[in-house]
Amino acid sequence: MTSEELSQIIIKGMEERKAEDIKVLDLREVKGSISDFFIICSGNSDTQLQAIAESVEKEVKEAHGERPWRKEGFTNREWILLDYVSNVVHIFKREKRDFYALEDLWGDAKVTSIG
């Protein structure tokens, strides 16, 4: 499975739980990038963030049999990260997303808005 195909499965998992403001940052041409894609979305509550993360994990496991290499943020559920190596998933509460502004930090990336 290519990193592009994996990103589409991740997006499907996000959309299943009504994630908001989904953006895909294509980092393949960015010098020093640590991944091919960052996929970022927002949720309105800690419960929704967890539901989005679980949906992404389920979709990827069913389609590819893969689990995240690392995952973080399930304790405080303000910023959940799922690391699939070629794709890194960031699921934020809105205020945390605005504060960290990953889209601005990776300003050289090609950004695609979904939905």
PDB file of N, CA and C in Angstrom:
ATOM      1  N   MET A   1       0.842  -1.175   0.000  1.00  0.00           N
ATOM      2  CA  MET A   1       0.000   0.000   0.000  1.00  0.00           C
ATOM      3  C   MET A   1       0.888   1.240   0.000  1.00  0.00           C
ATOM      4  N   THR A   2       0.571   2.180  -0.866  1.00  0.00           N
ATOM      5  CA  THR A   2       1.349   3.412  -0.929  1.00  0.00           C
ATOM      6  C   THR A   2       0.934   4.360   0.193  1.00  0.00           C
ATOM      7  N   SER A   3       1.765   5.349   0.442  1.00  0.00           N
ATOM      8  CA  SER A   3       1.428   6.332   1.472  1.00  0.00           C
ATOM      9  C   SER A   3       0.188   7.133   1.074  1.00  0.00           C
ATOM     10  N   GLU A   4      -0.025   7.356  -0.233  1.00  0.00           N
ATOM     11  CA  GLU A   4      -1.228   8.063  -0.696  1.00  0.00           C
ATOM     12  C   GLU A   4      -2.483   7.234  -0.413  1.00  0.00           C
ATOM     13  N   GLU A   5      -2.402   5.933  -0.672  1.00  0.00           N
ATOM     14  CA  GLU A   5      -3.552   5.051  -0.403  1.00  0.00           C
ATOM     15  C   GLU A   5      -3.857   5.013   1.086  1.00  0.00           C
ATOM     16  N   LEU A   6      -2.826   4.944   1.896  1.00  0.00           N
ATOM     17  CA  LEU A   6      -3.023   4.946   3.344  1.00  0.00           C
ATOM     18  C   LEU A   6      -3.673   6.246   3.801  1.00  0.00           C
ATOM     19  N   SER A   7      -3.264   7.363   3.223  1.00  0.00           N
ATOM     20  CA  SER A   7      -3.857   8.647   3.620  1.00  0.00           C
ATOM     21  C   SER A   7      -5.353   8.670   3.316  1.00  0.00           C
ATOM     22  N   GLN A   8      -5.779   8.071   2.228  1.00  0.00           N
ATOM     23  CA  GLN A   8      -7.204   8.029   1.889  1.00  0.00           C
ATOM     24  C   GLN A   8      -7.998   7.189   2.887  1.00  0.00           C
ATOM     25  N   ILE A   9      -7.421   6.105   3.353  1.00  0.00           N
ATOM     26  CA  ILE A   9      -8.077   5.265   4.358  1.00  0.00           C
ATOM     27  C   ILE A   9      -8.192   6.030   5.676  1.00  0.00           C
ATOM     28  N   ILE A  10      -7.151   6.757   6.031  1.00  0.00           N
ATOM     29  CA  ILE A  10      -7.169   7.560   7.257  1.00  0.00           C
ATOM     30  C   ILE A  10      -8.260   8.618   7.176  1.00  0.00           C
ATOM     31  N   ILE A  11      -8.357   9.280   6.047  1.00  0.00           N
ATOM     32  CA  ILE A  11      -9.392  10.305   5.862  1.00  0.00           C
ATOM     33  C   ILE A  11     -10.780   9.692   5.997  1.00  0.00           C
ATOM     34  N   LYS A  12     -10.979   8.520   5.423  1.00  0.00           N
ATOM     35  CA  LYS A  12     -12.274   7.830   5.552  1.00  0.00           C
ATOM     36  C   LYS A  12     -12.617   7.602   7.022  1.00  0.00           C
ATOM     37  N   GLY A  13     -11.638   7.156   7.803  1.00  0.00           N
ATOM     38  CA  GLY A  13     -11.874   6.949   9.232  1.00  0.00           C
ATOM     39  C   GLY A  13     -12.240   8.234   9.954  1.00  0.00           C
ATOM     40  N   MET A  14     -11.622   9.331   9.562  1.00  0.00           N
ATOM     41  CA  MET A  14     -11.949  10.631  10.162  1.00  0.00           C
ATOM     42  C   MET A  14     -13.375  11.046   9.800  1.00  0.00           C
ATOM     43  N   GLU A  15     -13.707  10.895   8.538  1.00  0.00           N
ATOM     44  CA  GLU A  15     -15.040  11.309   8.074  1.00  0.00           C
ATOM     45  C   GLU A  15     -16.137  10.470   8.703  1.00  0.00           C
ATOM     46  N   GLU A  16     -15.858   9.214   9.017  1.00  0.00           N
ATOM     47  CA  GLU A  16     -16.848   8.334   9.656  1.00  0.00           C
ATOM     48  C   GLU A  16     -17.317   8.902  11.000  1.00  0.00           C
ATOM     49  N   ARG A  17     -16.461   9.663  11.657  1.00  0.00           N
ATOM     50  CA  ARG A  17     -16.802  10.233  12.974  1.00  0.00           C
ATOM     51  C   ARG A  17     -16.938  11.752  12.926  1.00  0.00           C
ATOM     52  N   LYS A  18     -17.218  12.254  11.734  1.00  0.00           N
ATOM     53  CA  LYS A  18     -17.522  13.674  11.526  1.00  0.00           C
ATOM     54  C   LYS A  18     -16.411  14.621  11.991  1.00  0.00           C
ATOM     55  N   ALA A  19     -15.173  14.243  11.718  1.00  0.00           N
ATOM     56  CA  ALA A  19     -14.046  15.131  12.003  1.00  0.00           C
ATOM     57  C   ALA A  19     -14.206  16.406  11.185  1.00  0.00           C
ATOM     58  N   GLU A  20     -13.744  17.505  11.730  1.00  0.00           N
ATOM     59  CA  GLU A  20     -13.883  18.798  11.075  1.00  0.00           C
ATOM     60  C   GLU A  20     -12.541  19.283  10.551  1.00  0.00           C
ATOM     61  N   ASP A  21     -12.602  20.117   9.512  1.00  0.00           N
ATOM     62  CA  ASP A  21     -11.446  20.824   8.980  1.00  0.00           C
ATOM     63  C   ASP A  21     -10.260  19.878   8.715  1.00  0.00           C
ATOM     64  N   ILE A  22     -10.523  18.827   7.939  1.00  0.00           N
ATOM     65  CA  ILE A  22      -9.486  17.854   7.614  1.00  0.00           C
ATOM     66  C   ILE A  22      -8.538  18.467   6.588  1.00  0.00           C
ATOM     67  N   LYS A  23      -7.250  18.395   6.894  1.00  0.00           N
ATOM     68  CA  LYS A  23      -6.229  18.892   5.975  1.00  0.00           C
ATOM     69  C   LYS A  23      -5.138  17.847   5.830  1.00  0.00           C
ATOM     70  N   VAL A  24      -4.669  17.698   4.602  1.00  0.00           N
ATOM     71  CA  VAL A  24      -3.568  16.791   4.311  1.00  0.00           C
ATOM     72  C   VAL A  24      -2.363  17.634   3.918  1.00  0.00           C
ATOM     73  N   LEU A  25      -1.277  17.484   4.658  1.00  0.00           N
ATOM     74  CA  LEU A  25      -0.031  18.175   4.341  1.00  0.00           C
ATOM     75  C   LEU A  25       0.888  17.178   3.656  1.00  0.00           C
ATOM     76  N   ASP A  26       1.200  17.449   2.398  1.00  0.00           N
ATOM     77  CA  ASP A  26       2.101  16.599   1.632  1.00  0.00           C
ATOM     78  C   ASP A  26       3.527  17.069   1.903  1.00  0.00           C
ATOM     79  N   LEU A  27       4.271  16.270   2.634  1.00  0.00           N
ATOM     80  CA  LEU A  27       5.612  16.642   3.076  1.00  0.00           C
ATOM     81  C   LEU A  27       6.714  15.996   2.244  1.00  0.00           C
ATOM     82  N   ARG A  28       6.345  15.297   1.194  1.00  0.00           N
ATOM     83  CA  ARG A  28       7.335  14.544   0.420  1.00  0.00           C
ATOM     84  C   ARG A  28       8.407  15.425  -0.206  1.00  0.00           C
ATOM     85  N   GLU A  29       8.090  16.666  -0.522  1.00  0.00           N
ATOM     86  CA  GLU A  29       9.070  17.563  -1.140  1.00  0.00           C
ATOM     87  C   GLU A  29       9.692  18.541  -0.139  1.00  0.00           C
ATOM     88  N   VAL A  30       9.353  18.396   1.124  1.00  0.00           N
ATOM     89  CA  VAL A  30       9.856  19.304   2.162  1.00  0.00           C
ATOM     90  C   VAL A  30      11.138  18.731   2.754  1.00  0.00           C
ATOM     91  N   LYS A  31      12.200  19.496   2.661  1.00  0.00           N
ATOM     92  CA  LYS A  31      13.486  19.048   3.182  1.00  0.00           C
ATOM     93  C   LYS A  31      13.401  18.829   4.690  1.00  0.00           C
ATOM     94  N   GLY A  32      13.906  17.701   5.138  1.00  0.00           N
ATOM     95  CA  GLY A  32      13.930  17.402   6.560  1.00  0.00           C
ATOM     96  C   GLY A  32      12.632  16.860   7.121  1.00  0.00           C
ATOM     97  N   SER A  33      11.668  16.565   6.251  1.00  0.00           N
ATOM     98  CA  SER A  33      10.388  16.065   6.764  1.00  0.00           C
ATOM     99  C   SER A  33      10.564  14.660   7.326  1.00  0.00           C
ATOM    100  N   ILE A  34       9.725  14.330   8.260  1.00  0.00           N
ATOM    101  CA  ILE A  34       9.829  13.051   8.955  1.00  0.00           C
ATOM    102  C   ILE A  34       8.814  12.031   8.459  1.00  0.00           C
ATOM    103  N   SER A  35       7.975  12.428   7.539  1.00  0.00           N
ATOM    104  CA  SER A  35       6.896  11.577   7.063  1.00  0.00           C
ATOM    105  C   SER A  35       6.481  12.047   5.675  1.00  0.00           C
ATOM    106  N   ASP A  36       5.736  11.228   4.968  1.00  0.00           N
ATOM    107  CA  ASP A  36       5.207  11.650   3.668  1.00  0.00           C
ATOM    108  C   ASP A  36       4.018  12.597   3.827  1.00  0.00           C
ATOM    109  N   PHE A  37       3.139  12.279   4.782  1.00  0.00           N
ATOM    110  CA  PHE A  37       1.927  13.073   4.972  1.00  0.00           C
ATOM    111  C   PHE A  37       1.646  13.289   6.449  1.00  0.00           C
ATOM    112  N   PHE A  38       1.179  14.486   6.775  1.00  0.00           N
ATOM    113  CA  PHE A  38       0.505  14.762   8.038  1.00  0.00           C
ATOM    114  C   PHE A  38      -0.959  14.915   7.673  1.00  0.00           C
ATOM    115  N   ILE A  39      -1.819  14.248   8.409  1.00  0.00           N
ATOM    116  CA  ILE A  39      -3.254  14.399   8.205  1.00  0.00           C
ATOM    117  C   ILE A  39      -3.810  14.944   9.511  1.00  0.00           C
ATOM    118  N   ILE A  40      -4.413  16.117   9.430  1.00  0.00           N
ATOM    119  CA  ILE A  40      -4.823  16.868  10.611  1.00  0.00           C
ATOM    120  C   ILE A  40      -6.333  17.081  10.568  1.00  0.00           C
ATOM    121  N   CYS A  41      -6.965  16.930  11.731  1.00  0.00           N
ATOM    122  CA  CYS A  41      -8.393  17.244  11.822  1.00  0.00           C
ATOM    123  C   CYS A  41      -8.697  17.749  13.224  1.00  0.00           C
ATOM    124  N   SER A  42      -9.922  18.218  13.380  1.00  0.00           N
ATOM    125  CA  SER A  42     -10.390  18.725  14.679  1.00  0.00           C
ATOM    126  C   SER A  42     -11.656  18.005  15.095  1.00  0.00           C
ATOM    127  N   GLY A  43     -11.858  17.959  16.398  1.00  0.00           N
ATOM    128  CA  GLY A  43     -13.089  17.455  16.987  1.00  0.00           C
ATOM    129  C   GLY A  43     -13.546  18.413  18.068  1.00  0.00           C
ATOM    130  N   ASN A  44     -14.778  18.239  18.498  1.00  0.00           N
ATOM    131  CA  ASN A  44     -15.372  19.185  19.444  1.00  0.00           C
ATOM    132  C   ASN A  44     -15.301  18.766  20.904  1.00  0.00           C
ATOM    133  N   SER A  45     -14.955  17.517  21.168  1.00  0.00           N
ATOM    134  CA  SER A  45     -14.900  17.057  22.557  1.00  0.00           C
ATOM    135  C   SER A  45     -13.863  15.950  22.672  1.00  0.00           C
ATOM    136  N   ASP A  46     -13.456  15.671  23.904  1.00  0.00           N
ATOM    137  CA  ASP A  46     -12.493  14.592  24.088  1.00  0.00           C
ATOM    138  C   ASP A  46     -13.084  13.250  23.660  1.00  0.00           C
ATOM    139  N   THR A  47     -14.375  13.080  23.842  1.00  0.00           N
ATOM    140  CA  THR A  47     -15.038  11.852  23.404  1.00  0.00           C
ATOM    141  C   THR A  47     -14.995  11.719  21.887  1.00  0.00           C
ATOM    142  N   GLN A  48     -15.236  12.814  21.165  1.00  0.00           N
ATOM    143  CA  GLN A  48     -15.177  12.763  19.708  1.00  0.00           C
ATOM    144  C   GLN A  48     -13.753  12.504  19.232  1.00  0.00           C
ATOM    145  N   LEU A  49     -12.756  13.108  19.869  1.00  0.00           N
ATOM    146  CA  LEU A  49     -11.366  12.858  19.486  1.00  0.00           C
ATOM    147  C   LEU A  49     -11.032  11.381  19.598  1.00  0.00           C
ATOM    148  N   GLN A  50     -11.439  10.766  20.685  1.00  0.00           N
ATOM    149  CA  GLN A  50     -11.177   9.343  20.864  1.00  0.00           C
ATOM    150  C   GLN A  50     -11.918   8.521  19.813  1.00  0.00           C
ATOM    151  N   ALA A  51     -13.157   8.887  19.524  1.00  0.00           N
ATOM    152  CA  ALA A  51     -13.937   8.163  18.513  1.00  0.00           C
ATOM    153  C   ALA A  51     -13.296   8.274  17.134  1.00  0.00           C
ATOM    154  N   ILE A  52     -12.790   9.450  16.793  1.00  0.00           N
ATOM    155  CA  ILE A  52     -12.103   9.643  15.503  1.00  0.00           C
ATOM    156  C   ILE A  52     -10.863   8.755  15.448  1.00  0.00           C
ATOM    157  N   ALA A  53     -10.063   8.781  16.497  1.00  0.00           N
ATOM    158  CA  ALA A  53      -8.835   7.980  16.531  1.00  0.00           C
ATOM    159  C   ALA A  53      -9.150   6.493  16.404  1.00  0.00           C
ATOM    160  N   GLU A  54     -10.151   6.033  17.122  1.00  0.00           N
ATOM    161  CA  GLU A  54     -10.525   4.617  17.054  1.00  0.00           C
ATOM    162  C   GLU A  54     -11.040   4.251  15.666  1.00  0.00           C
ATOM    163  N   SER A  55     -11.763   5.154  15.035  1.00  0.00           N
ATOM    164  CA  SER A  55     -12.263   4.917  13.679  1.00  0.00           C
ATOM    165  C   SER A  55     -11.112   4.824  12.677  1.00  0.00           C
ATOM    166  N   VAL A  56     -10.139   5.706  12.800  1.00  0.00           N
ATOM    167  CA  VAL A  56      -8.968   5.660  11.910  1.00  0.00           C
ATOM    168  C   VAL A  56      -8.235   4.336  12.101  1.00  0.00           C
ATOM    169  N   GLU A  57      -7.996   3.949  13.351  1.00  0.00           N
ATOM    170  CA  GLU A  57      -7.307   2.684  13.611  1.00  0.00           C
ATOM    171  C   GLU A  57      -8.064   1.498  13.021  1.00  0.00           C
ATOM    172  N   LYS A  58      -9.374   1.505  13.173  1.00  0.00           N
ATOM    173  CA  LYS A  58     -10.211   0.412  12.652  1.00  0.00           C
ATOM    174  C   LYS A  58     -10.136   0.341  11.128  1.00  0.00           C
ATOM    175  N   GLU A  59     -10.276   1.487  10.461  1.00  0.00           N
ATOM    176  CA  GLU A  59     -10.251   1.512   8.995  1.00  0.00           C
ATOM    177  C   GLU A  59      -8.899   1.034   8.452  1.00  0.00           C
ATOM    178  N   VAL A  60      -7.819   1.490   9.063  1.00  0.00           N
ATOM    179  CA  VAL A  60      -6.488   1.099   8.593  1.00  0.00           C
ATOM    180  C   VAL A  60      -6.255  -0.387   8.853  1.00  0.00           C
ATOM    181  N   LYS A  61      -6.654  -0.867  10.013  1.00  0.00           N
ATOM    182  CA  LYS A  61      -6.465  -2.287  10.334  1.00  0.00           C
ATOM    183  C   LYS A  61      -7.261  -3.165   9.380  1.00  0.00           C
ATOM    184  N   GLU A  62      -8.506  -2.786   9.096  1.00  0.00           N
ATOM    185  CA  GLU A  62      -9.339  -3.589   8.191  1.00  0.00           C
ATOM    186  C   GLU A  62      -8.805  -3.577   6.760  1.00  0.00           C
ATOM    187  N   ALA A  63      -8.316  -2.435   6.314  1.00  0.00           N
ATOM    188  CA  ALA A  63      -7.864  -2.308   4.924  1.00  0.00           C
ATOM    189  C   ALA A  63      -6.447  -2.824   4.713  1.00  0.00           C
ATOM    190  N   HIS A  64      -5.611  -2.699   5.731  1.00  0.00           N
ATOM    191  CA  HIS A  64      -4.194  -2.968   5.533  1.00  0.00           C
ATOM    192  C   HIS A  64      -3.598  -3.903   6.591  1.00  0.00           C
ATOM    193  N   GLY A  65      -4.359  -4.168   7.653  1.00  0.00           N
ATOM    194  CA  GLY A  65      -3.852  -5.025   8.719  1.00  0.00           C
ATOM    195  C   GLY A  65      -2.764  -4.382   9.564  1.00  0.00           C
ATOM    196  N   GLU A  66      -2.645  -3.071   9.462  1.00  0.00           N
ATOM    197  CA  GLU A  66      -1.565  -2.352  10.141  1.00  0.00           C
ATOM    198  C   GLU A  66      -2.090  -1.607  11.367  1.00  0.00           C
ATOM    199  N   ARG A  67      -1.273  -1.613  12.397  1.00  0.00           N
ATOM    200  CA  ARG A  67      -1.549  -0.824  13.599  1.00  0.00           C
ATOM    201  C   ARG A  67      -0.556   0.343  13.629  1.00  0.00           C
ATOM    202  N   PRO A  68      -0.888   1.408  14.364  1.00  0.00           N
ATOM    203  CA  PRO A  68       0.070   2.511  14.454  1.00  0.00           C
ATOM    204  C   PRO A  68       1.378   2.059  15.085  1.00  0.00           C
ATOM    205  N   TRP A  69       2.481   2.614  14.574  1.00  0.00           N
ATOM    206  CA  TRP A  69       3.787   2.335  15.160  1.00  0.00           C
ATOM    207  C   TRP A  69       3.839   2.913  16.571  1.00  0.00           C
ATOM    208  N   ARG A  70       3.287   4.114  16.714  1.00  0.00           N
ATOM    209  CA  ARG A  70       3.168   4.775  18.019  1.00  0.00           C
ATOM    210  C   ARG A  70       1.840   5.503  18.075  1.00  0.00           C
ATOM    211  N   LYS A  71       1.326   5.663  19.279  1.00  0.00           N
ATOM    212  CA  LYS A  71       0.153   6.505  19.475  1.00  0.00           C
ATOM    213  C   LYS A  71       0.253   7.168  20.835  1.00  0.00           C
ATOM    214  N   GLU A  72      -0.216   8.410  20.860  1.00  0.00           N
ATOM    215  CA  GLU A  72      -0.114   9.214  22.076  1.00  0.00           C
ATOM    216  C   GLU A  72      -1.348  10.095  22.220  1.00  0.00           C
ATOM    217  N   GLY A  73      -1.585  10.538  23.448  1.00  0.00           N
ATOM    218  CA  GLY A  73      -2.622  11.527  23.700  1.00  0.00           C
ATOM    219  C   GLY A  73      -3.960  10.972  24.140  1.00  0.00           C
ATOM    220  N   PHE A  74      -4.060   9.658  24.345  1.00  0.00           N
ATOM    221  CA  PHE A  74      -5.350   9.086  24.722  1.00  0.00           C
ATOM    222  C   PHE A  74      -5.710   9.376  26.169  1.00  0.00           C
ATOM    223  N   THR A  75      -4.746   9.794  26.976  1.00  0.00           N
ATOM    224  CA  THR A  75      -5.031  10.098  28.374  1.00  0.00           C
ATOM    225  C   THR A  75      -5.743  11.431  28.520  1.00  0.00           C
ATOM    226  N   ASN A  76      -5.177  12.496  27.937  1.00  0.00           N
ATOM    227  CA  ASN A  76      -5.807  13.811  28.097  1.00  0.00           C
ATOM    228  C   ASN A  76      -6.744  14.164  26.947  1.00  0.00           C
ATOM    229  N   ARG A  77      -6.613  13.500  25.806  1.00  0.00           N
ATOM    230  CA  ARG A  77      -7.503  13.651  24.639  1.00  0.00           C
ATOM    231  C   ARG A  77      -7.716  15.107  24.219  1.00  0.00           C
ATOM    232  N   GLU A  78      -6.626  15.841  24.116  1.00  0.00           N
ATOM    233  CA  GLU A  78      -6.670  17.186  23.536  1.00  0.00           C
ATOM    234  C   GLU A  78      -5.936  17.204  22.208  1.00  0.00           C
ATOM    235  N   TRP A  79      -4.961  16.302  22.053  1.00  0.00           N
ATOM    236  CA  TRP A  79      -4.202  16.139  20.808  1.00  0.00           C
ATOM    237  C   TRP A  79      -3.797  14.663  20.752  1.00  0.00           C
ATOM    238  N   ILE A  80      -4.475  13.911  19.924  1.00  0.00           N
ATOM    239  CA  ILE A  80      -4.161  12.499  19.764  1.00  0.00           C
ATOM    240  C   ILE A  80      -3.315  12.342  18.503  1.00  0.00           C
ATOM    241  N   LEU A  81      -2.249  11.574  18.623  1.00  0.00           N
ATOM    242  CA  LEU A  81      -1.342  11.341  17.512  1.00  0.00           C
ATOM    243  C   LEU A  81      -1.278   9.841  17.227  1.00  0.00           C
ATOM    244  N   LEU A  82      -1.455   9.489  15.955  1.00  0.00           N
ATOM    245  CA  LEU A  82      -1.288   8.117  15.491  1.00  0.00           C
ATOM    246  C   LEU A  82      -0.187   8.141  14.439  1.00  0.00           C
ATOM    247  N   ASP A  83       0.882   7.413  14.683  1.00  0.00           N
ATOM    248  CA  ASP A  83       2.035   7.433  13.781  1.00  0.00           C
ATOM    249  C   ASP A  83       2.087   6.132  12.984  1.00  0.00           C
ATOM    250  N   TYR A  84       1.803   6.254  11.685  1.00  0.00           N
ATOM    251  CA  TYR A  84       1.904   5.122  10.776  1.00  0.00           C
ATOM    252  C   TYR A  84       3.186   5.220   9.928  1.00  0.00           C
ATOM    253  N   VAL A  85       4.158   5.950  10.388  1.00  0.00           N
ATOM    254  CA  VAL A  85       5.462   6.190   9.789  1.00  0.00           C
ATOM    255  C   VAL A  85       5.333   7.037   8.519  1.00  0.00           C
ATOM    256  N   SER A  86       4.724   6.519   7.450  1.00  0.00           N
ATOM    257  CA  SER A  86       4.585   7.326   6.231  1.00  0.00           C
ATOM    258  C   SER A  86       3.478   8.367   6.357  1.00  0.00           C
ATOM    259  N   ASN A  87       2.568   8.146   7.284  1.00  0.00           N
ATOM    260  CA  ASN A  87       1.459   9.066   7.551  1.00  0.00           C
ATOM    261  C   ASN A  87       1.380   9.282   9.060  1.00  0.00           C
ATOM    262  N   VAL A  88       1.346  10.538   9.469  1.00  0.00           N
ATOM    263  CA  VAL A  88       1.167  10.854  10.880  1.00  0.00           C
ATOM    264  C   VAL A  88      -0.160  11.582  11.022  1.00  0.00           C
ATOM    265  N   VAL A  89      -1.011  11.044  11.882  1.00  0.00           N
ATOM    266  CA  VAL A  89      -2.370  11.554  12.083  1.00  0.00           C
ATOM    267  C   VAL A  89      -2.385  12.420  13.338  1.00  0.00           C
ATOM    268  N   HIS A  90      -2.928  13.630  13.204  1.00  0.00           N
ATOM    269  CA  HIS A  90      -3.057  14.563  14.331  1.00  0.00           C
ATOM    270  C   HIS A  90      -4.539  14.879  14.490  1.00  0.00           C
ATOM    271  N   ILE A  91      -5.088  14.551  15.655  1.00  0.00           N
ATOM    272  CA  ILE A  91      -6.501  14.796  15.937  1.00  0.00           C
ATOM    273  C   ILE A  91      -6.546  15.762  17.122  1.00  0.00           C
ATOM    274  N   PHE A  92      -7.028  16.953  16.859  1.00  0.00           N
ATOM    275  CA  PHE A  92      -6.958  18.041  17.840  1.00  0.00           C
ATOM    276  C   PHE A  92      -8.334  18.497  18.319  1.00  0.00           C
ATOM    277  N   LYS A  93      -8.377  18.986  19.567  1.00  0.00           N
ATOM    278  CA  LYS A  93      -9.432  19.902  19.960  1.00  0.00           C
ATOM    279  C   LYS A  93      -9.097  21.227  19.289  1.00  0.00           C
ATOM    280  N   ARG A  94     -10.106  21.967  18.900  1.00  0.00           N
ATOM    281  CA  ARG A  94      -9.914  23.193  18.109  1.00  0.00           C
ATOM    282  C   ARG A  94      -8.896  24.148  18.739  1.00  0.00           C
ATOM    283  N   GLU A  95      -9.020  24.430  20.030  1.00  0.00           N
ATOM    284  CA  GLU A  95      -8.129  25.419  20.652  1.00  0.00           C
ATOM    285  C   GLU A  95      -6.672  24.947  20.654  1.00  0.00           C
ATOM    286  N   LYS A  96      -6.442  23.659  20.814  1.00  0.00           N
ATOM    287  CA  LYS A  96      -5.069  23.136  20.760  1.00  0.00           C
ATOM    288  C   LYS A  96      -4.528  23.206  19.337  1.00  0.00           C
ATOM    289  N   ARG A  97      -5.369  22.941  18.364  1.00  0.00           N
ATOM    290  CA  ARG A  97      -4.931  23.029  16.967  1.00  0.00           C
ATOM    291  C   ARG A  97      -4.529  24.457  16.616  1.00  0.00           C
ATOM    292  N   ASP A  98      -5.338  25.409  17.051  1.00  0.00           N
ATOM    293  CA  ASP A  98      -5.016  26.815  16.799  1.00  0.00           C
ATOM    294  C   ASP A  98      -3.705  27.202  17.487  1.00  0.00           C
ATOM    295  N   PHE A  99      -3.486  26.706  18.699  1.00  0.00           N
ATOM    296  CA  PHE A  99      -2.289  27.043  19.458  1.00  0.00           C
ATOM    297  C   PHE A  99      -1.020  26.496  18.799  1.00  0.00           C
ATOM    298  N   TYR A 100      -1.039  25.221  18.393  1.00  0.00           N
ATOM    299  CA  TYR A 100       0.161  24.588  17.833  1.00  0.00           C
ATOM    300  C   TYR A 100       0.373  24.896  16.352  1.00  0.00           C
ATOM    301  N   ALA A 101      -0.682  25.181  15.628  1.00  0.00           N
ATOM    302  CA  ALA A 101      -0.617  25.648  14.233  1.00  0.00           C
ATOM    303  C   ALA A 101       0.367  24.847  13.370  1.00  0.00           C
ATOM    304  N   LEU A 102       0.169  23.537  13.324  1.00  0.00           N
ATOM    305  CA  LEU A 102       1.064  22.683  12.539  1.00  0.00           C
ATOM    306  C   LEU A 102       1.086  23.060  11.064  1.00  0.00           C
ATOM    307  N   GLU A 103      -0.038  23.512  10.551  1.00  0.00           N
ATOM    308  CA  GLU A 103      -0.079  23.910   9.143  1.00  0.00           C
ATOM    309  C   GLU A 103       0.902  25.041   8.865  1.00  0.00           C
ATOM    310  N   ASP A 104       1.081  25.934   9.840  1.00  0.00           N
ATOM    311  CA  ASP A 104       2.024  27.040   9.683  1.00  0.00           C
ATOM    312  C   ASP A 104       3.470  26.581   9.867  1.00  0.00           C
ATOM    313  N   LEU A 105       3.686  25.642  10.788  1.00  0.00           N
ATOM    314  CA  LEU A 105       5.039  25.138  11.023  1.00  0.00           C
ATOM    315  C   LEU A 105       5.603  24.438   9.791  1.00  0.00           C
ATOM    316  N   TRP A 106       4.738  23.774   9.053  1.00  0.00           N
ATOM    317  CA  TRP A 106       5.138  23.069   7.837  1.00  0.00           C
ATOM    318  C   TRP A 106       4.645  23.845   6.632  1.00  0.00           C
ATOM    319  N   GLY A 107       4.954  25.138   6.601  1.00  0.00           N
ATOM    320  CA  GLY A 107       4.474  26.052   5.568  1.00  0.00           C
ATOM    321  C   GLY A 107       4.913  25.712   4.171  1.00  0.00           C
ATOM    322  N   ASP A 108       5.983  24.928   3.998  1.00  0.00           N
ATOM    323  CA  ASP A 108       6.445  24.545   2.668  1.00  0.00           C
ATOM    324  C   ASP A 108       5.657  23.367   2.096  1.00  0.00           C
ATOM    325  N   ALA A 109       4.841  22.746   2.901  1.00  0.00           N
ATOM    326  CA  ALA A 109       4.077  21.587   2.447  1.00  0.00           C
ATOM    327  C   ALA A 109       2.921  22.000   1.557  1.00  0.00           C
ATOM    328  N   LYS A 110       2.574  21.123   0.642  1.00  0.00           N
ATOM    329  CA  LYS A 110       1.368  21.312  -0.158  1.00  0.00           C
ATOM    330  C   LYS A 110       0.194  20.904   0.707  1.00  0.00           C
ATOM    331  N   VAL A 111      -0.778  21.802   0.899  1.00  0.00           N
ATOM    332  CA  VAL A 111      -1.908  21.547   1.785  1.00  0.00           C
ATOM    333  C   VAL A 111      -3.178  21.335   0.953  1.00  0.00           C
ATOM    334  N   THR A 112      -3.870  20.242   1.265  1.00  0.00           N
ATOM    335  CA  THR A 112      -5.143  19.938   0.624  1.00  0.00           C
ATOM    336  C   THR A 112      -6.224  19.894   1.678  1.00  0.00           C
ATOM    337  N   SER A 113      -7.299  20.662   1.494  1.00  0.00           N
ATOM    338  CA  SER A 113      -8.434  20.621   2.410  1.00  0.00           C
ATOM    339  C   SER A 113      -9.421  19.578   1.908  1.00  0.00           C
ATOM    340  N   ILE A 114      -9.960  18.804   2.840  1.00  0.00           N
ATOM    341  CA  ILE A 114     -10.920  17.757   2.503  1.00  0.00           C
ATOM    342  C   ILE A 114     -12.306  18.209   2.966  1.00  0.00           C
ATOM    343  N   GLY A 115     -13.265  18.060   2.105  1.00  0.00           N
ATOM    344  CA  GLY A 115     -14.649  18.365   2.434  1.00  0.00           C
ATOM    345  C   GLY A 115     -15.010  19.754   2.438  1.00  0.00           C
TER     346      GLY A 115
END
